């Protein structure tokens, strides 16, 4: 299974991060251990939502969409 996930910073409430992983729990731990340079500055993180895909291609396409202006608006309103 491939997961597209959205994290929300607990200390910087308006900061979100969109990512993709095959192991959601382990990836969240890495974000909160500051092992991911891009998210270390805004740790700690909480999982806001995730979507599971059986196809890695579909997961990458959805992640890419969520990183667009239209995708961010969709996530804010629906997720």
PDB file of N, CA and C in Angstrom:
ATOM      1  N   UNK A   1       0.843  -1.174   0.000  1.00  0.00           N
ATOM      2  CA  UNK A   1       0.000   0.000   0.000  1.00  0.00           C
ATOM      3  C   UNK A   1       0.891   1.241   0.000  1.00  0.00           C
ATOM      4  N   UNK A   2       0.474   2.248  -0.689  1.00  0.00           N
ATOM      5  CA  UNK A   2       1.174   3.531  -0.732  1.00  0.00           C
ATOM      6  C   UNK A   2       0.256   4.591  -0.147  1.00  0.00           C
ATOM      7  N   UNK A   3       0.810   5.427   0.696  1.00  0.00           N
ATOM      8  CA  UNK A   3       0.016   6.433   1.398  1.00  0.00           C
ATOM      9  C   UNK A   3       0.474   7.832   1.021  1.00  0.00           C
ATOM     10  N   UNK A   4      -0.490   8.679   0.699  1.00  0.00           N
ATOM     11  CA  UNK A   4      -0.249  10.102   0.552  1.00  0.00           C
ATOM     12  C   UNK A   4      -0.793  10.701   1.838  1.00  0.00           C
ATOM     13  N   UNK A   5       0.050  11.478   2.518  1.00  0.00           N
ATOM     14  CA  UNK A   5      -0.345  11.969   3.828  1.00  0.00           C
ATOM     15  C   UNK A   5      -0.161  13.475   3.937  1.00  0.00           C
ATOM     16  N   UNK A   6      -0.914  14.060   4.847  1.00  0.00           N
ATOM     17  CA  UNK A   6      -0.796  15.481   5.147  1.00  0.00           C
ATOM     18  C   UNK A   6      -0.500  15.596   6.634  1.00  0.00           C
ATOM     19  N   UNK A   7       0.575  16.293   6.943  1.00  0.00           N
ATOM     20  CA  UNK A   7       0.947  16.552   8.323  1.00  0.00           C
ATOM     21  C   UNK A   7       0.649  18.003   8.658  1.00  0.00           C
ATOM     22  N   UNK A   8       0.331  18.248   9.921  1.00  0.00           N
ATOM     23  CA  UNK A   8       0.118  19.608  10.401  1.00  0.00           C
ATOM     24  C   UNK A   8       1.088  19.854  11.549  1.00  0.00           C
ATOM     25  N   UNK A   9       1.782  20.975  11.507  1.00  0.00           N
ATOM     26  CA  UNK A   9       2.710  21.329  12.568  1.00  0.00           C
ATOM     27  C   UNK A   9       1.929  21.677  13.827  1.00  0.00           C
ATOM     28  N   UNK A  10       2.344  21.116  14.951  1.00  0.00           N
ATOM     29  CA  UNK A  10       1.657  21.382  16.213  1.00  0.00           C
ATOM     30  C   UNK A  10       2.025  22.745  16.799  1.00  0.00           C
ATOM     31  N   UNK A  11       3.204  23.251  16.475  1.00  0.00           N
ATOM     32  CA  UNK A  11       3.636  24.538  17.016  1.00  0.00           C
ATOM     33  C   UNK A  11       3.450  25.691  16.042  1.00  0.00           C
ATOM     34  N   UNK A  12       3.334  25.378  14.784  1.00  0.00           N
ATOM     35  CA  UNK A  12       3.138  26.392  13.735  1.00  0.00           C
ATOM     36  C   UNK A  12       1.880  25.987  12.976  1.00  0.00           C
ATOM     37  N   UNK A  13       0.733  26.287  13.538  1.00  0.00           N
ATOM     38  CA  UNK A  13      -0.558  25.784  13.097  1.00  0.00           C
ATOM     39  C   UNK A  13      -0.914  25.911  11.632  1.00  0.00           C
ATOM     40  N   UNK A  14      -0.332  26.855  10.943  1.00  0.00           N
ATOM     41  CA  UNK A  14      -0.654  27.035   9.525  1.00  0.00           C
ATOM     42  C   UNK A  14       0.328  26.328   8.601  1.00  0.00           C
ATOM     43  N   UNK A  15       1.232  25.545   9.148  1.00  0.00           N
ATOM     44  CA  UNK A  15       2.215  24.813   8.347  1.00  0.00           C
ATOM     45  C   UNK A  15       1.753  23.382   8.114  1.00  0.00           C
ATOM     46  N   UNK A  16       1.735  23.005   6.851  1.00  0.00           N
ATOM     47  CA  UNK A  16       1.344  21.655   6.464  1.00  0.00           C
ATOM     48  C   UNK A  16       2.439  21.057   5.589  1.00  0.00           C
ATOM     49  N   UNK A  17       2.472  19.746   5.541  1.00  0.00           N
ATOM     50  CA  UNK A  17       3.435  19.045   4.699  1.00  0.00           C
ATOM     51  C   UNK A  17       2.720  17.880   4.020  1.00  0.00           C
ATOM     52  N   UNK A  18       2.921  17.735   2.729  1.00  0.00           N
ATOM     53  CA  UNK A  18       2.338  16.636   1.957  1.00  0.00           C
ATOM     54  C   UNK A  18       3.462  15.703   1.547  1.00  0.00           C
ATOM     55  N   UNK A  19       3.267  14.411   1.777  1.00  0.00           N
ATOM     56  CA  UNK A  19       4.288  13.443   1.411  1.00  0.00           C
ATOM     57  C   UNK A  19       3.690  12.125   0.992  1.00  0.00           C
ATOM     58  N   UNK A  20       4.566  11.197   0.639  1.00  0.00           N
ATOM     59  CA  UNK A  20       4.148   9.866   0.208  1.00  0.00           C
ATOM     60  C   UNK A  20       5.077   8.845   0.855  1.00  0.00           C
ATOM     61  N   UNK A  21       4.529   7.708   1.248  1.00  0.00           N
ATOM     62  CA  UNK A  21       5.321   6.665   1.887  1.00  0.00           C
ATOM     63  C   UNK A  21       4.610   5.325   1.792  1.00  0.00           C
ATOM     64  N   UNK A  22       5.367   4.269   2.010  1.00  0.00           N
ATOM     65  CA  UNK A  22       4.787   2.930   2.089  1.00  0.00           C
ATOM     66  C   UNK A  22       4.579   2.525   3.551  1.00  0.00           C
ATOM     67  N   UNK A  23       5.256   3.207   4.492  1.00  0.00           N
ATOM     68  CA  UNK A  23       5.140   2.904   5.923  1.00  0.00           C
ATOM     69  C   UNK A  23       4.820   4.195   6.668  1.00  0.00           C
ATOM     70  N   UNK A  24       3.545   4.445   6.872  1.00  0.00           N
ATOM     71  CA  UNK A  24       3.075   5.705   7.431  1.00  0.00           C
ATOM     72  C   UNK A  24       3.583   5.946   8.851  1.00  0.00           C
ATOM     73  N   UNK A  25       3.505   4.942   9.707  1.00  0.00           N
ATOM     74  CA  UNK A  25       3.938   5.118  11.107  1.00  0.00           C
ATOM     75  C   UNK A  25       5.430   5.461  11.192  1.00  0.00           C
ATOM     76  N   UNK A  26       6.245   4.714  10.473  1.00  0.00           N
ATOM     77  CA  UNK A  26       7.688   4.957  10.502  1.00  0.00           C
ATOM     78  C   UNK A  26       8.024   6.338   9.946  1.00  0.00           C
ATOM     79  N   UNK A  27       7.323   6.750   8.920  1.00  0.00           N
ATOM     80  CA  UNK A  27       7.595   8.058   8.315  1.00  0.00           C
ATOM     81  C   UNK A  27       7.243   9.192   9.273  1.00  0.00           C
ATOM     82  N   UNK A  28       6.139   9.076  10.001  1.00  0.00           N
ATOM     83  CA  UNK A  28       5.757  10.099  10.978  1.00  0.00           C
ATOM     84  C   UNK A  28       6.807  10.186  12.082  1.00  0.00           C
ATOM     85  N   UNK A  29       7.301   9.053  12.526  1.00  0.00           N
ATOM     86  CA  UNK A  29       8.359   9.040  13.540  1.00  0.00           C
ATOM     87  C   UNK A  29       9.584   9.782  13.013  1.00  0.00           C
ATOM     88  N   UNK A  30       9.973   9.541  11.768  1.00  0.00           N
ATOM     89  CA  UNK A  30      11.141  10.223  11.190  1.00  0.00           C
ATOM     90  C   UNK A  30      10.933  11.737  11.143  1.00  0.00           C
ATOM     91  N   UNK A  31       9.726  12.161  10.767  1.00  0.00           N
ATOM     92  CA  UNK A  31       9.442  13.603  10.746  1.00  0.00           C
ATOM     93  C   UNK A  31       9.595  14.192  12.146  1.00  0.00           C
ATOM     94  N   UNK A  32       9.100  13.504  13.149  1.00  0.00           N
ATOM     95  CA  UNK A  32       9.141  14.022  14.512  1.00  0.00           C
ATOM     96  C   UNK A  32      10.490  13.855  15.192  1.00  0.00           C
ATOM     97  N   UNK A  33      11.366  13.040  14.636  1.00  0.00           N
ATOM     98  CA  UNK A  33      12.740  12.913  15.147  1.00  0.00           C
ATOM     99  C   UNK A  33      13.685  13.880  14.438  1.00  0.00           C
ATOM    100  N   UNK A  34      13.139  14.740  13.610  1.00  0.00           N
ATOM    101  CA  UNK A  34      13.912  15.712  12.823  1.00  0.00           C
ATOM    102  C   UNK A  34      14.887  15.038  11.868  1.00  0.00           C
ATOM    103  N   UNK A  35      14.542  13.855  11.401  1.00  0.00           N
ATOM    104  CA  UNK A  35      15.374  13.130  10.443  1.00  0.00           C
ATOM    105  C   UNK A  35      15.082  13.536   9.005  1.00  0.00           C
ATOM    106  N   UNK A  36      14.081  14.372   8.806  1.00  0.00           N
ATOM    107  CA  UNK A  36      13.726  14.869   7.473  1.00  0.00           C
ATOM    108  C   UNK A  36      14.037  16.369   7.467  1.00  0.00           C
ATOM    109  N   UNK A  37      15.108  16.783   6.783  1.00  0.00           N
ATOM    110  CA  UNK A  37      15.534  18.186   6.828  1.00  0.00           C
ATOM    111  C   UNK A  37      14.442  19.190   6.467  1.00  0.00           C
ATOM    112  N   UNK A  38      13.596  18.855   5.518  1.00  0.00           N
ATOM    113  CA  UNK A  38      12.566  19.806   5.064  1.00  0.00           C
ATOM    114  C   UNK A  38      11.529  20.109   6.147  1.00  0.00           C
ATOM    115  N   UNK A  39      11.277  19.176   7.050  1.00  0.00           N
ATOM    116  CA  UNK A  39      10.231  19.370   8.057  1.00  0.00           C
ATOM    117  C   UNK A  39      10.766  19.607   9.462  1.00  0.00           C
ATOM    118  N   UNK A  40      12.061  19.482   9.661  1.00  0.00           N
ATOM    119  CA  UNK A  40      12.643  19.581  11.002  1.00  0.00           C
ATOM    120  C   UNK A  40      12.341  20.918  11.679  1.00  0.00           C
ATOM    121  N   UNK A  41      12.340  21.981  10.924  1.00  0.00           N
ATOM    122  CA  UNK A  41      12.151  23.331  11.478  1.00  0.00           C
ATOM    123  C   UNK A  41      10.776  23.517  12.124  1.00  0.00           C
ATOM    124  N   UNK A  42       9.785  22.779  11.661  1.00  0.00           N
ATOM    125  CA  UNK A  42       8.418  22.982  12.136  1.00  0.00           C
ATOM    126  C   UNK A  42       7.887  21.821  12.983  1.00  0.00           C
ATOM    127  N   UNK A  43       8.757  20.930  13.432  1.00  0.00           N
ATOM    128  CA  UNK A  43       8.350  19.798  14.282  1.00  0.00           C
ATOM    129  C   UNK A  43       7.886  20.325  15.635  1.00  0.00           C
ATOM    130  N   UNK A  44       7.055  19.617  16.316  1.00  0.00           N
ATOM    131  CA  UNK A  44       6.508  18.291  16.037  1.00  0.00           C
ATOM    132  C   UNK A  44       5.312  18.356  15.080  1.00  0.00           C
ATOM    133  N   UNK A  45       5.056  17.202  14.481  1.00  0.00           N
ATOM    134  CA  UNK A  45       3.996  17.070  13.485  1.00  0.00           C
ATOM    135  C   UNK A  45       2.930  16.092  13.948  1.00  0.00           C
ATOM    136  N   UNK A  46       1.702  16.342  13.511  1.00  0.00           N
ATOM    137  CA  UNK A  46       0.594  15.414  13.747  1.00  0.00           C
ATOM    138  C   UNK A  46       0.015  15.044  12.383  1.00  0.00           C
ATOM    139  N   UNK A  47      -0.439  13.830  12.275  1.00  0.00           N
ATOM    140  CA  UNK A  47      -1.050  13.368  11.036  1.00  0.00           C
ATOM    141  C   UNK A  47      -2.438  13.979  10.917  1.00  0.00           C
ATOM    142  N   UNK A  48      -2.656  14.747   9.851  1.00  0.00           N
ATOM    143  CA  UNK A  48      -3.971  15.355   9.622  1.00  0.00           C
ATOM    144  C   UNK A  48      -4.877  14.371   8.891  1.00  0.00           C
ATOM    145  N   UNK A  49      -4.360  13.800   7.798  1.00  0.00           N
ATOM    146  CA  UNK A  49      -5.136  12.827   7.039  1.00  0.00           C
ATOM    147  C   UNK A  49      -4.196  12.033   6.136  1.00  0.00           C
ATOM    148  N   UNK A  50      -4.706  10.928   5.649  1.00  0.00           N
ATOM    149  CA  UNK A  50      -3.951  10.154   4.667  1.00  0.00           C
ATOM    150  C   UNK A  50      -4.924   9.428   3.765  1.00  0.00           C
ATOM    151  N   UNK A  51      -4.437   9.093   2.563  1.00  0.00           N
ATOM    152  CA  UNK A  51      -5.211   8.361   1.575  1.00  0.00           C
ATOM    153  C   UNK A  51      -4.338   7.204   1.106  1.00  0.00           C
ATOM    154  N   UNK A  52      -4.890   6.001   1.089  1.00  0.00           N
ATOM    155  CA  UNK A  52      -4.148   4.808   0.677  1.00  0.00           C
ATOM    156  C   UNK A  52      -4.420   4.501  -0.786  1.00  0.00           C
ATOM    157  N   UNK A  53      -3.370   4.114  -1.494  1.00  0.00           N
ATOM    158  CA  UNK A  53      -3.455   3.737  -2.903  1.00  0.00           C
ATOM    159  C   UNK A  53      -2.769   2.397  -3.089  1.00  0.00           C
ATOM    160  N   UNK A  54      -3.346   1.547  -3.910  1.00  0.00           N
ATOM    161  CA  UNK A  54      -2.674   0.290  -4.229  1.00  0.00           C
ATOM    162  C   UNK A  54      -1.635   0.513  -5.330  1.00  0.00           C
ATOM    163  N   UNK A  55      -1.814   1.563  -6.111  1.00  0.00           N
ATOM    164  CA  UNK A  55      -0.901   1.891  -7.200  1.00  0.00           C
ATOM    165  C   UNK A  55       0.035   3.019  -6.800  1.00  0.00           C
ATOM    166  N   UNK A  56       1.333   2.781  -6.907  1.00  0.00           N
ATOM    167  CA  UNK A  56       2.315   3.819  -6.587  1.00  0.00           C
ATOM    168  C   UNK A  56       2.189   4.997  -7.565  1.00  0.00           C
ATOM    169  N   UNK A  57       1.873   4.698  -8.807  1.00  0.00           N
ATOM    170  CA  UNK A  57       1.706   5.750  -9.814  1.00  0.00           C
ATOM    171  C   UNK A  57       0.567   6.686  -9.438  1.00  0.00           C
ATOM    172  N   UNK A  58      -0.555   6.127  -9.017  1.00  0.00           N
ATOM    173  CA  UNK A  58      -1.697   6.952  -8.601  1.00  0.00           C
ATOM    174  C   UNK A  58      -1.362   7.771  -7.364  1.00  0.00           C
ATOM    175  N   UNK A  59      -0.632   7.166  -6.441  1.00  0.00           N
ATOM    176  CA  UNK A  59      -0.244   7.875  -5.220  1.00  0.00           C
ATOM    177  C   UNK A  59       0.632   9.083  -5.570  1.00  0.00           C
ATOM    178  N   UNK A  60       1.621   8.885  -6.443  1.00  0.00           N
ATOM    179  CA  UNK A  60       2.479  10.002  -6.847  1.00  0.00           C
ATOM    180  C   UNK A  60       1.676  11.093  -7.553  1.00  0.00           C
ATOM    181  N   UNK A  61       0.729  10.703  -8.376  1.00  0.00           N
ATOM    182  CA  UNK A  61      -0.097  11.689  -9.084  1.00  0.00           C
ATOM    183  C   UNK A  61      -0.933  12.495  -8.103  1.00  0.00           C
ATOM    184  N   UNK A  62      -1.494  11.843  -7.091  1.00  0.00           N
ATOM    185  CA  UNK A  62      -2.315  12.549  -6.100  1.00  0.00           C
ATOM    186  C   UNK A  62      -1.442  13.469  -5.245  1.00  0.00           C
ATOM    187  N   UNK A  63      -0.267  13.004  -4.862  1.00  0.00           N
ATOM    188  CA  UNK A  63       0.649  13.859  -4.094  1.00  0.00           C
ATOM    189  C   UNK A  63       1.008  15.104  -4.904  1.00  0.00           C
ATOM    190  N   UNK A  64       1.324  14.909  -6.165  1.00  0.00           N
ATOM    191  CA  UNK A  64       1.670  16.030  -7.036  1.00  0.00           C
ATOM    192  C   UNK A  64       0.504  17.018  -7.125  1.00  0.00           C
ATOM    193  N   UNK A  65      -0.721  16.499  -7.252  1.00  0.00           N
ATOM    194  CA  UNK A  65      -1.910  17.354  -7.304  1.00  0.00           C
ATOM    195  C   UNK A  65      -2.062  18.151  -6.010  1.00  0.00           C
ATOM    196  N   UNK A  66      -1.886  17.504  -4.854  1.00  0.00           N
ATOM    197  CA  UNK A  66      -2.056  18.197  -3.575  1.00  0.00           C
ATOM    198  C   UNK A  66      -1.047  19.317  -3.380  1.00  0.00           C
ATOM    199  N   UNK A  67       0.043  19.288  -4.107  1.00  0.00           N
ATOM    200  CA  UNK A  67       1.063  20.322  -3.993  1.00  0.00           C
ATOM    201  C   UNK A  67       0.817  21.504  -4.928  1.00  0.00           C
ATOM    202  N   UNK A  68      -0.261  21.447  -5.709  1.00  0.00           N
ATOM    203  CA  UNK A  68      -0.647  22.565  -6.567  1.00  0.00           C
ATOM    204  C   UNK A  68      -1.591  23.479  -5.795  1.00  0.00           C
ATOM    205  N   UNK A  69      -1.828  24.667  -6.303  1.00  0.00           N
ATOM    206  CA  UNK A  69      -2.761  25.595  -5.656  1.00  0.00           C
ATOM    207  C   UNK A  69      -4.159  24.987  -5.576  1.00  0.00           C
ATOM    208  N   UNK A  70      -4.597  24.363  -6.650  1.00  0.00           N
ATOM    209  CA  UNK A  70      -5.910  23.727  -6.683  1.00  0.00           C
ATOM    210  C   UNK A  70      -5.981  22.581  -5.665  1.00  0.00           C
ATOM    211  N   UNK A  71      -4.918  21.802  -5.585  1.00  0.00           N
ATOM    212  CA  UNK A  71      -4.867  20.682  -4.642  1.00  0.00           C
ATOM    213  C   UNK A  71      -4.866  21.145  -3.197  1.00  0.00           C
ATOM    214  N   UNK A  72      -4.138  22.243  -2.917  1.00  0.00           N
ATOM    215  CA  UNK A  72      -4.140  22.776  -1.551  1.00  0.00           C
ATOM    216  C   UNK A  72      -5.528  23.263  -1.169  1.00  0.00           C
ATOM    217  N   UNK A  73      -6.229  23.902  -2.097  1.00  0.00           N
ATOM    218  CA  UNK A  73      -7.598  24.361  -1.829  1.00  0.00           C
ATOM    219  C   UNK A  73      -8.513  23.163  -1.583  1.00  0.00           C
ATOM    220  N   UNK A  74      -8.362  22.117  -2.380  1.00  0.00           N
ATOM    221  CA  UNK A  74      -9.148  20.884  -2.188  1.00  0.00           C
ATOM    222  C   UNK A  74      -8.883  20.285  -0.810  1.00  0.00           C
ATOM    223  N   UNK A  75      -7.623  20.172  -0.444  1.00  0.00           N
ATOM    224  CA  UNK A  75      -7.260  19.571   0.846  1.00  0.00           C
ATOM    225  C   UNK A  75      -7.796  20.411   2.010  1.00  0.00           C
ATOM    226  N   UNK A  76      -7.708  21.706   1.892  1.00  0.00           N
ATOM    227  CA  UNK A  76      -8.188  22.593   2.964  1.00  0.00           C
ATOM    228  C   UNK A  76      -9.704  22.448   3.150  1.00  0.00           C
ATOM    229  N   UNK A  77     -10.415  22.322   2.045  1.00  0.00           N
ATOM    230  CA  UNK A  77     -11.871  22.247   2.107  1.00  0.00           C
ATOM    231  C   UNK A  77     -12.397  20.847   2.393  1.00  0.00           C
ATOM    232  N   UNK A  78     -11.759  19.822   1.828  1.00  0.00           N
ATOM    233  CA  UNK A  78     -12.309  18.465   1.887  1.00  0.00           C
ATOM    234  C   UNK A  78     -11.575  17.499   2.804  1.00  0.00           C
ATOM    235  N   UNK A  79     -10.305  17.733   3.036  1.00  0.00           N
ATOM    236  CA  UNK A  79      -9.531  16.796   3.843  1.00  0.00           C
ATOM    237  C   UNK A  79      -9.270  17.419   5.191  1.00  0.00           C
TER     238      UNK A  79
END
